[in-house]
PDB file of N, CA and C in Angstrom:
ATOM      1  N   UNK A   1      13.983  -0.534  46.764  1.00  0.00           N
ATOM      2  CA  UNK A   1      14.354   0.175  46.072  1.00  0.00           C
ATOM      3  C   UNK A   1      13.635  -0.188  44.326  1.00  0.00           C
ATOM      4  N   UNK A   2      13.327   0.675  43.513  1.00  0.00           N
ATOM      5  CA  UNK A   2      12.462   0.360  42.171  1.00  0.00           C
ATOM      6  C   UNK A   2      13.660   0.453  41.379  1.00  0.00           C
ATOM      7  N   UNK A   3      13.800  -0.279  40.274  1.00  0.00           N
ATOM      8  CA  UNK A   3      14.731  -0.525  39.222  1.00  0.00           C
ATOM      9  C   UNK A   3      13.988  -0.411  37.926  1.00  0.00           C
ATOM     10  N   UNK A   4      14.660   0.841  37.028  1.00  0.00           N
ATOM     11  CA  UNK A   4      13.930   0.736  35.763  1.00  0.00           C
ATOM     12  C   UNK A   4      14.659   0.315  34.812  1.00  0.00           C
ATOM     13  N   UNK A   5      14.214  -0.514  33.840  1.00  0.00           N
ATOM     14  CA  UNK A   5      14.952  -1.398  32.762  1.00  0.00           C
ATOM     15  C   UNK A   5      14.206  -0.708  31.515  1.00  0.00           C
ATOM     16  N   UNK A   6      15.034  -0.953  30.352  1.00  0.00           N
ATOM     17  CA  UNK A   6      14.343  -0.687  29.210  1.00  0.00           C
ATOM     18  C   UNK A   6      14.194  -2.106  28.670  1.00  0.00           C
ATOM     19  N   UNK A   7      14.014  -3.142  29.146  1.00  0.00           N
ATOM     20  CA  UNK A   7      14.279  -4.493  28.461  1.00  0.00           C
ATOM     21  C   UNK A   7      12.612  -4.845  28.917  1.00  0.00           C
ATOM     22  N   UNK A   8      12.170  -5.735  28.073  1.00  0.00           N
ATOM     23  CA  UNK A   8      10.849  -6.507  28.164  1.00  0.00           C
ATOM     24  C   UNK A   8      10.865  -7.352  29.395  1.00  0.00           C
ATOM     25  N   UNK A   9       9.766  -7.268  30.257  1.00  0.00           N
ATOM     26  CA  UNK A   9      10.171  -8.402  31.590  1.00  0.00           C
ATOM     27  C   UNK A   9      10.162  -9.910  30.836  1.00  0.00           C
ATOM     28  N   UNK A  10       9.273 -10.125  29.816  1.00  0.00           N
ATOM     29  CA  UNK A  10       8.660 -11.279  29.513  1.00  0.00           C
ATOM     30  C   UNK A  10       9.778 -11.948  28.448  1.00  0.00           C
ATOM     31  N   UNK A  11      10.478 -11.151  28.109  1.00  0.00           N
ATOM     32  CA  UNK A  11      11.393 -11.742  26.838  1.00  0.00           C
ATOM     33  C   UNK A  11      12.806 -11.527  27.034  1.00  0.00           C
ATOM     34  N   UNK A  12      12.961 -10.340  27.950  1.00  0.00           N
ATOM     35  CA  UNK A  12      14.369  -9.763  28.307  1.00  0.00           C
ATOM     36  C   UNK A  12      15.192  -9.208  26.994  1.00  0.00           C
ATOM     37  N   UNK A  13      14.408  -8.991  26.132  1.00  0.00           N
ATOM     38  CA  UNK A  13      14.807  -7.969  24.986  1.00  0.00           C
ATOM     39  C   UNK A  13      14.608  -6.552  25.007  1.00  0.00           C
ATOM     40  N   UNK A  14      15.325  -5.541  24.599  1.00  0.00           N
ATOM     41  CA  UNK A  14      14.914  -3.995  24.750  1.00  0.00           C
ATOM     42  C   UNK A  14      13.810  -3.667  23.962  1.00  0.00           C
ATOM     43  N   UNK A  15      13.038  -2.969  24.777  1.00  0.00           N
ATOM     44  CA  UNK A  15      11.759  -2.442  24.102  1.00  0.00           C
ATOM     45  C   UNK A  15      11.726  -2.316  22.652  1.00  0.00           C
ATOM     46  N   UNK A  16      12.526  -1.319  22.250  1.00  0.00           N
ATOM     47  CA  UNK A  16      12.785  -0.925  20.690  1.00  0.00           C
ATOM     48  C   UNK A  16      13.411  -2.045  19.868  1.00  0.00           C
ATOM     49  N   UNK A  17      12.335  -3.433  19.639  1.00  0.00           N
ATOM     50  CA  UNK A  17      12.982  -4.280  19.053  1.00  0.00           C
ATOM     51  C   UNK A  17      12.495  -4.065  17.717  1.00  0.00           C
ATOM     52  N   UNK A  18      13.092  -5.042  16.798  1.00  0.00           N
ATOM     53  CA  UNK A  18      12.555  -5.032  15.401  1.00  0.00           C
ATOM     54  C   UNK A  18      11.441  -5.157  15.234  1.00  0.00           C
ATOM     55  N   UNK A  19      10.589  -5.578  15.997  1.00  0.00           N
ATOM     56  CA  UNK A  19       9.013  -5.880  15.872  1.00  0.00           C
ATOM     57  C   UNK A  19       8.340  -4.769  16.004  1.00  0.00           C
ATOM     58  N   UNK A  20       9.107  -3.875  17.121  1.00  0.00           N
ATOM     59  CA  UNK A  20       8.243  -2.402  17.345  1.00  0.00           C
ATOM     60  C   UNK A  20       8.489  -1.463  16.044  1.00  0.00           C
ATOM     61  N   UNK A  21       9.995  -1.497  15.609  1.00  0.00           N
ATOM     62  CA  UNK A  21      10.449  -1.019  14.357  1.00  0.00           C
ATOM     63  C   UNK A  21       9.231  -1.540  13.398  1.00  0.00           C
ATOM     64  N   UNK A  22       9.056  -2.677  12.926  1.00  0.00           N
ATOM     65  CA  UNK A  22       8.273  -3.086  11.957  1.00  0.00           C
ATOM     66  C   UNK A  22       6.605  -2.835  11.935  1.00  0.00           C
ATOM     67  N   UNK A  23       6.583  -2.888  13.428  1.00  0.00           N
ATOM     68  CA  UNK A  23       5.038  -2.319  13.673  1.00  0.00           C
ATOM     69  C   UNK A  23       4.599  -0.797  13.334  1.00  0.00           C
ATOM     70  N   UNK A  24       5.722   0.024  13.652  1.00  0.00           N
ATOM     71  CA  UNK A  24       5.722   1.407  13.247  1.00  0.00           C
ATOM     72  C   UNK A  24       6.002   1.495  11.757  1.00  0.00           C
ATOM     73  N   UNK A  25       6.542   0.801  11.017  1.00  0.00           N
ATOM     74  CA  UNK A  25       6.683   0.739   9.646  1.00  0.00           C
ATOM     75  C   UNK A  25       5.345   0.388   8.987  1.00  0.00           C
ATOM     76  N   UNK A  26       4.489  -0.379   9.495  1.00  0.00           N
ATOM     77  CA  UNK A  26       3.525  -1.035   8.941  1.00  0.00           C
ATOM     78  C   UNK A  26       2.336   0.059   9.429  1.00  0.00           C
ATOM     79  N   UNK A  27       2.629   0.606  10.347  1.00  0.00           N
ATOM     80  CA  UNK A  27       1.519   1.673  10.820  1.00  0.00           C
ATOM     81  C   UNK A  27       1.669   3.024   9.728  1.00  0.00           C
ATOM     82  N   UNK A  28       2.764   3.259   9.556  1.00  0.00           N
ATOM     83  CA  UNK A  28       3.274   4.359   8.664  1.00  0.00           C
ATOM     84  C   UNK A  28       2.667   4.167   7.017  1.00  0.00           C
ATOM     85  N   UNK A  29       3.144   2.948   6.683  1.00  0.00           N
ATOM     86  CA  UNK A  29       2.783   2.613   5.512  1.00  0.00           C
ATOM     87  C   UNK A  29       0.959   2.366   5.052  1.00  0.00           C
ATOM     88  N   UNK A  30       0.237   2.229   6.381  1.00  0.00           N
ATOM     89  CA  UNK A  30      -1.016   2.185   5.978  1.00  0.00           C
ATOM     90  C   UNK A  30      -1.634   3.570   5.940  1.00  0.00           C
ATOM     91  N   UNK A  31      -1.170   4.396   6.989  1.00  0.00           N
ATOM     92  CA  UNK A  31      -1.429   5.754   6.797  1.00  0.00           C
ATOM     93  C   UNK A  31      -1.153   6.317   5.083  1.00  0.00           C
ATOM     94  N   UNK A  32      -0.159   6.112   5.022  1.00  0.00           N
ATOM     95  CA  UNK A  32       0.610   6.762   3.649  1.00  0.00           C
ATOM     96  C   UNK A  32      -0.509   5.989   2.528  1.00  0.00           C
ATOM     97  N   UNK A  33      -0.914   4.748   2.485  1.00  0.00           N
ATOM     98  CA  UNK A  33      -1.845   4.374   1.255  1.00  0.00           C
ATOM     99  C   UNK A  33      -3.195   4.993   1.833  1.00  0.00           C
ATOM    100  N   UNK A  34      -3.515   5.152   2.995  1.00  0.00           N
ATOM    101  CA  UNK A  34      -4.889   5.752   3.365  1.00  0.00           C
ATOM    102  C   UNK A  34      -4.977   7.385   2.797  1.00  0.00           C
ATOM    103  N   UNK A  35      -3.805   7.719   2.915  1.00  0.00           N
ATOM    104  CA  UNK A  35      -3.741   9.129   2.402  1.00  0.00           C
ATOM    105  C   UNK A  35      -3.659   9.337   0.753  1.00  0.00           C
ATOM    106  N   UNK A  36      -2.958   8.424   0.300  1.00  0.00           N
ATOM    107  CA  UNK A  36      -3.030   8.378  -1.355  1.00  0.00           C
ATOM    108  C   UNK A  36      -4.373   7.924  -1.569  1.00  0.00           C
ATOM    109  N   UNK A  37      -5.191   7.131  -1.076  1.00  0.00           N
ATOM    110  CA  UNK A  37      -6.570   6.786  -1.271  1.00  0.00           C
ATOM    111  C   UNK A  37      -7.559   8.115  -1.363  1.00  0.00           C
ATOM    112  N   UNK A  38      -7.186   8.613  -0.150  1.00  0.00           N
ATOM    113  CA  UNK A  38      -8.182   9.697  -0.139  1.00  0.00           C
ATOM    114  C   UNK A  38      -7.694  10.877  -1.102  1.00  0.00           C
ATOM    115  N   UNK A  39      -6.483  11.126  -1.374  1.00  0.00           N
ATOM    116  CA  UNK A  39      -6.211  11.943  -2.658  1.00  0.00           C
ATOM    117  C   UNK A  39      -7.027  11.652  -3.660  1.00  0.00           C
ATOM    118  N   UNK A  40      -6.821  10.157  -4.081  1.00  0.00           N
ATOM    119  CA  UNK A  40      -7.257   9.843  -5.150  1.00  0.00           C
ATOM    120  C   UNK A  40      -8.840  10.094  -5.000  1.00  0.00           C
ATOM    121  N   UNK A  41      -9.818   9.953  -4.040  1.00  0.00           N
ATOM    122  CA  UNK A  41     -11.047  10.065  -4.001  1.00  0.00           C
ATOM    123  C   UNK A  41     -11.455  11.637  -4.123  1.00  0.00           C
ATOM    124  N   UNK A  42     -10.498  12.321  -3.642  1.00  0.00           N
ATOM    125  CA  UNK A  42     -10.724  13.672  -3.651  1.00  0.00           C
ATOM    126  C   UNK A  42     -10.840  14.424  -4.835  1.00  0.00           C
ATOM    127  N   UNK A  43      -9.778  13.942  -5.735  1.00  0.00           N
ATOM    128  CA  UNK A  43      -9.514  14.070  -7.279  1.00  0.00           C
ATOM    129  C   UNK A  43     -10.669  13.908  -7.866  1.00  0.00           C
ATOM    130  N   UNK A  44     -11.352  12.531  -7.982  1.00  0.00           N
ATOM    131  CA  UNK A  44     -12.502  12.168  -8.019  1.00  0.00           C
ATOM    132  C   UNK A  44     -13.767  12.976  -8.080  1.00  0.00           C
ATOM    133  N   UNK A  45     -13.588  13.249  -6.673  1.00  0.00           N
ATOM    134  CA  UNK A  45     -15.228  14.232  -6.393  1.00  0.00           C
ATOM    135  C   UNK A  45     -14.751  15.618  -7.067  1.00  0.00           C
ATOM    136  N   UNK A  46     -13.379  16.184  -7.366  1.00  0.00           N
ATOM    137  CA  UNK A  46     -13.374  17.153  -8.024  1.00  0.00           C
ATOM    138  C   UNK A  46     -13.682  17.369  -9.588  1.00  0.00           C
ATOM    139  N   UNK A  47     -13.402  16.127 -10.213  1.00  0.00           N
ATOM    140  CA  UNK A  47     -13.709  16.097 -11.577  1.00  0.00           C
ATOM    141  C   UNK A  47     -15.350  15.772 -11.631  1.00  0.00           C
ATOM    142  N   UNK A  48     -16.116  15.490 -10.685  1.00  0.00           N
ATOM    143  CA  UNK A  48     -17.563  15.041 -10.515  1.00  0.00           C
ATOM    144  C   UNK A  48     -17.964  16.260 -10.424  1.00  0.00           C
ATOM    145  N   UNK A  49     -17.546  17.394  -9.605  1.00  0.00           N
ATOM    146  CA  UNK A  49     -17.958  18.828  -9.468  1.00  0.00           C
ATOM    147  C   UNK A  49     -17.934  19.571 -10.444  1.00  0.00           C
ATOM    148  N   UNK A  50     -17.021  19.457 -11.321  1.00  0.00           N
ATOM    149  CA  UNK A  50     -16.692  19.997 -12.570  1.00  0.00           C
ATOM    150  C   UNK A  50     -17.667  19.784 -13.614  1.00  0.00           C
ATOM    151  N   UNK A  51     -17.955  18.380 -13.705  1.00  0.00           N
ATOM    152  CA  UNK A  51     -19.172  17.561 -14.799  1.00  0.00           C
ATOM    153  C   UNK A  51     -20.411  18.501 -14.113  1.00  0.00           C
ATOM    154  N   UNK A  52     -20.808  18.542 -12.921  1.00  0.00           N
ATOM    155  CA  UNK A  52     -21.871  18.831 -12.442  1.00  0.00           C
ATOM    156  C   UNK A  52     -21.973  20.636 -12.573  1.00  0.00           C
ATOM    157  N   UNK A  53     -20.900  21.111 -12.703  1.00  0.00           N
ATOM    158  CA  UNK A  53     -20.986  22.718 -12.767  1.00  0.00           C
ATOM    159  C   UNK A  53     -21.103  22.894 -14.339  1.00  0.00           C
ATOM    160  N   UNK A  54     -20.662  21.983 -15.136  1.00  0.00           N
ATOM    161  CA  UNK A  54     -20.822  22.274 -16.720  1.00  0.00           C
ATOM    162  C   UNK A  54     -22.230  21.713 -17.005  1.00  0.00           C
ATOM    163  N   UNK A  55     -22.686  20.676 -16.292  1.00  0.00           N
ATOM    164  CA  UNK A  55     -24.275  20.191 -16.664  1.00  0.00           C
ATOM    165  C   UNK A  55     -25.326  21.318 -16.165  1.00  0.00           C
ATOM    166  N   UNK A  56     -24.599  21.941 -15.268  1.00  0.00           N
ATOM    167  CA  UNK A  56     -25.799  23.080 -14.870  1.00  0.00           C
ATOM    168  C   UNK A  56     -25.576  24.466 -15.585  1.00  0.00           C
ATOM    169  N   UNK A  57     -24.531  24.623 -16.414  1.00  0.00           N
ATOM    170  CA  UNK A  57     -24.556  25.801 -17.276  1.00  0.00           C
ATOM    171  C   UNK A  57     -25.187  25.218 -18.513  1.00  0.00           C
ATOM    172  N   UNK A  58     -24.922  24.055 -19.092  1.00  0.00           N
ATOM    173  CA  UNK A  58     -25.599  23.441 -19.966  1.00  0.00           C
ATOM    174  C   UNK A  58     -27.154  23.715 -19.739  1.00  0.00           C
ATOM    175  N   UNK A  59     -27.746  23.418 -18.934  1.00  0.00           N
ATOM    176  CA  UNK A  59     -29.297  23.467 -18.602  1.00  0.00           C
ATOM    177  C   UNK A  59     -29.680  24.731 -18.319  1.00  0.00           C
ATOM    178  N   UNK A  60     -29.130  25.713 -17.901  1.00  0.00           N
ATOM    179  CA  UNK A  60     -29.239  27.192 -18.227  1.00  0.00           C
ATOM    180  C   UNK A  60     -29.291  27.613 -19.840  1.00  0.00           C
ATOM    181  N   UNK A  61     -28.338  27.123 -20.335  1.00  0.00           N
ATOM    182  CA  UNK A  61     -28.381  27.628 -21.770  1.00  0.00           C
ATOM    183  C   UNK A  61     -29.756  27.161 -22.491  1.00  0.00           C
ATOM    184  N   UNK A  62     -30.016  25.833 -22.371  1.00  0.00           N
ATOM    185  CA  UNK A  62     -31.063  25.424 -22.880  1.00  0.00           C
ATOM    186  C   UNK A  62     -32.508  26.114 -22.194  1.00  0.00           C
ATOM    187  N   UNK A  63     -32.545  26.368 -20.778  1.00  0.00           N
ATOM    188  CA  UNK A  63     -33.893  27.054 -20.275  1.00  0.00           C
ATOM    189  C   UNK A  63     -33.913  28.398 -21.091  1.00  0.00           C
ATOM    190  N   UNK A  64     -32.692  29.269 -21.372  1.00  0.00           N
ATOM    191  CA  UNK A  64     -32.474  30.391 -21.627  1.00  0.00           C
ATOM    192  C   UNK A  64     -33.275  30.054 -23.418  1.00  0.00           C
ATOM    193  N   UNK A  65     -32.816  29.641 -24.210  1.00  0.00           N
ATOM    194  CA  UNK A  65     -33.242  28.922 -25.163  1.00  0.00           C
ATOM    195  C   UNK A  65     -34.556  28.917 -25.485  1.00  0.00           C
ATOM    196  N   UNK A  66     -35.224  28.013 -24.313  1.00  0.00           N
ATOM    197  CA  UNK A  66     -36.339  27.523 -24.532  1.00  0.00           C
ATOM    198  C   UNK A  66     -37.170  28.507 -23.895  1.00  0.00           C
ATOM    199  N   UNK A  67     -37.019  29.550 -23.405  1.00  0.00           N
ATOM    200  CA  UNK A  67     -37.903  30.848 -23.210  1.00  0.00           C
ATOM    201  C   UNK A  67     -38.040  31.832 -24.084  1.00  0.00           C
ATOM    202  N   UNK A  68     -36.583  31.886 -25.010  1.00  0.00           N
ATOM    203  CA  UNK A  68     -36.532  32.844 -25.872  1.00  0.00           C
ATOM    204  C   UNK A  68     -37.690  32.313 -27.056  1.00  0.00           C
ATOM    205  N   UNK A  69     -37.487  31.195 -27.294  1.00  0.00           N
ATOM    206  CA  UNK A  69     -38.219  30.419 -28.295  1.00  0.00           C
ATOM    207  C   UNK A  69     -39.694  30.464 -27.752  1.00  0.00           C
ATOM    208  N   UNK A  70     -39.978  30.408 -27.078  1.00  0.00           N
ATOM    209  CA  UNK A  70     -41.271  30.603 -26.493  1.00  0.00           C
ATOM    210  C   UNK A  70     -41.784  31.993 -26.871  1.00  0.00           C
ATOM    211  N   UNK A  71     -41.016  33.020 -26.469  1.00  0.00           N
ATOM    212  CA  UNK A  71     -41.399  34.560 -26.621  1.00  0.00           C
ATOM    213  C   UNK A  71     -41.501  34.656 -28.276  1.00  0.00           C
ATOM    214  N   UNK A  72     -40.371  34.085 -28.911  1.00  0.00           N
ATOM    215  CA  UNK A  72     -40.716  33.888 -30.521  1.00  0.00           C
ATOM    216  C   UNK A  72     -42.041  33.635 -31.136  1.00  0.00           C
ATOM    217  N   UNK A  73     -42.250  32.428 -30.514  1.00  0.00           N
ATOM    218  CA  UNK A  73     -43.724  31.740 -30.902  1.00  0.00           C
ATOM    219  C   UNK A  73     -44.905  32.613 -30.430  1.00  0.00           C
ATOM    220  N   UNK A  74     -44.964  33.082 -29.065  1.00  0.00           N
ATOM    221  CA  UNK A  74     -45.834  34.131 -28.721  1.00  0.00           C
ATOM    222  C   UNK A  74     -46.029  35.272 -29.783  1.00  0.00           C
ATOM    223  N   UNK A  75     -44.955  35.595 -30.323  1.00  0.00           N
ATOM    224  CA  UNK A  75     -45.035  36.899 -31.220  1.00  0.00           C
ATOM    225  C   UNK A  75     -45.356  36.569 -32.679  1.00  0.00           C
ATOM    226  N   UNK A  76     -44.984  35.298 -33.118  1.00  0.00           N
ATOM    227  CA  UNK A  76     -45.592  34.991 -34.116  1.00  0.00           C
ATOM    228  C   UNK A  76     -46.935  34.423 -34.371  1.00  0.00           C
ATOM    229  N   UNK A  77     -47.650  34.109 -32.970  1.00  0.00           N
ATOM    230  CA  UNK A  77     -48.989  33.696 -33.019  1.00  0.00           C
ATOM    231  C   UNK A  77     -49.841  35.060 -33.092  1.00  0.00           C
ATOM    232  N   UNK A  78     -49.165  36.238 -32.576  1.00  0.00           N
ATOM    233  CA  UNK A  78     -50.238  37.500 -32.652  1.00  0.00           C
ATOM    234  C   UNK A  78     -50.307  37.863 -33.866  1.00  0.00           C
TER     235      UNK A  78
END
């Protein structure tokens, strides 16, 4: 006959011991910390993206201005 027990055969303690709860809590804390760090990284990357978008708009502005000035110079030289 097979006997099923909720006790650890090596220690005789129930399987759901303080150690198991502690490991689950540690795992949960690690996951929470990882999520926090990832959110922080996403925020930083979003700021970087905004910076690049603004820089791209500024480059387009200066390019348009340079083209306009070149046209103006060409007209003045005629």
